[in-house]
Protein backbone atom coordinates (compact mmCIF):
# COMPACT_ATOMS: atom_id res chain seq x y z
CA UNK A 1 175.79 31.50 148.66
CA UNK A 2 174.88 33.08 151.96
CA UNK A 3 172.81 36.20 152.34
CA UNK A 4 174.66 39.51 152.80
CA UNK A 5 175.02 40.92 156.28
CA UNK A 6 172.38 43.56 156.98
CA UNK A 7 173.34 47.14 157.63
CA UNK A 8 171.73 46.96 161.08
CA UNK A 9 174.04 44.12 162.11
CA UNK A 10 177.09 46.04 160.89
CA UNK A 11 176.02 49.19 162.72
CA UNK A 12 175.37 47.19 165.89
CA UNK A 13 178.81 45.63 165.58
CA UNK A 14 180.30 49.10 165.17
CA UNK A 15 178.93 49.99 168.61
CA UNK A 16 180.50 46.85 170.10
CA UNK A 17 177.44 44.57 170.28
CA UNK A 18 178.92 41.12 170.94
CA UNK A 19 176.03 39.26 169.27
CA UNK A 20 176.48 41.30 166.09
CA UNK A 21 180.25 40.74 166.12
CA UNK A 22 179.70 37.00 166.57
CA UNK A 23 177.25 37.01 163.67
CA UNK A 24 179.79 38.68 161.41
CA UNK A 25 182.54 36.29 162.51
CA UNK A 26 180.25 33.33 161.77
CA UNK A 27 179.34 34.77 158.35
CA UNK A 28 182.98 35.13 157.31
CA UNK A 29 184.27 31.93 159.03
CA UNK A 30 184.42 29.77 155.85
CA UNK A 31 186.34 32.47 153.97
CA UNK A 32 188.72 33.06 156.88
CA UNK A 33 189.33 29.32 157.25
CA UNK A 34 190.15 29.08 153.56
CA UNK A 35 192.63 31.95 153.88
CA UNK A 36 194.20 30.31 156.95
CA UNK A 37 195.08 26.98 155.34
CA UNK A 38 198.76 26.09 155.22
CA UNK A 39 200.47 23.11 153.62
CA UNK A 40 201.92 20.53 156.00
CA UNK A 41 203.87 17.42 155.05
CA UNK A 42 204.08 14.12 156.89
CA UNK A 43 207.19 11.95 157.15
CA UNK A 44 206.33 10.30 153.80
CA UNK A 45 206.09 13.58 151.92
CA UNK A 46 202.29 13.61 151.70
CA UNK A 47 200.86 17.09 151.66
CA UNK A 48 197.95 18.11 153.88
CA UNK A 49 196.27 21.50 153.96
CA UNK A 50 195.52 22.27 157.58
CA UNK A 51 194.10 25.38 159.20
CA UNK A 52 196.70 27.45 160.99
CA UNK A 53 194.64 28.41 164.05
CA UNK A 54 196.91 31.30 165.02
CA UNK A 55 196.60 32.82 161.54
CA UNK A 56 192.82 32.23 161.56
CA UNK A 57 192.54 34.03 164.87
CA UNK A 58 194.66 36.94 163.62
CA UNK A 59 192.53 37.41 160.49
CA UNK A 60 189.27 37.21 162.44
CA UNK A 61 190.54 39.63 165.09
CA UNK A 62 191.69 42.10 162.46
CA UNK A 63 188.31 41.98 160.70
CA UNK A 64 186.39 42.68 163.90
CA UNK A 65 188.87 45.36 164.97
CA UNK A 66 188.46 47.16 161.63
CA UNK A 67 184.67 47.10 161.96
CA UNK A 68 184.69 48.52 165.48
CA UNK A 69 187.48 51.09 165.14
CA UNK A 70 187.86 51.98 161.45
CA UNK A 71 184.49 51.49 159.75
CA UNK A 72 182.83 54.82 158.91
CA UNK A 73 179.09 54.30 158.34
CA UNK A 74 178.76 57.82 156.96
CA UNK A 75 181.27 57.46 154.13
CA UNK A 76 180.17 56.08 150.77
CA UNK A 77 182.78 53.86 149.08
CA UNK A 78 184.41 55.23 145.93
CA UNK A 79 182.41 54.46 142.82
CA UNK A 80 179.13 53.84 144.64
CA UNK A 81 176.05 55.99 144.94
CA UNK A 82 173.14 56.19 147.33
CA UNK A 83 170.08 54.30 146.06
CA UNK A 84 167.48 56.51 144.42
CA UNK A 85 163.88 56.27 145.55
């Protein structure tokens, strides 16, 4: 299991830092690839799961768009609390 993305990387991505956005895209690439797999069949009826590159690109673009334009670093998600010192 990979390490979580640090808050500094997310905040840098929020400001449009291309290195931070690339880091996030790389972190989520295996998950996005898994979501992008589609079944394809050859002429003999054999099934192959191949990555639909257009769908992969759409998912990745949407993730990065949401980080840059919709992520609110000042809002705490429902059900979570700030850590206590």
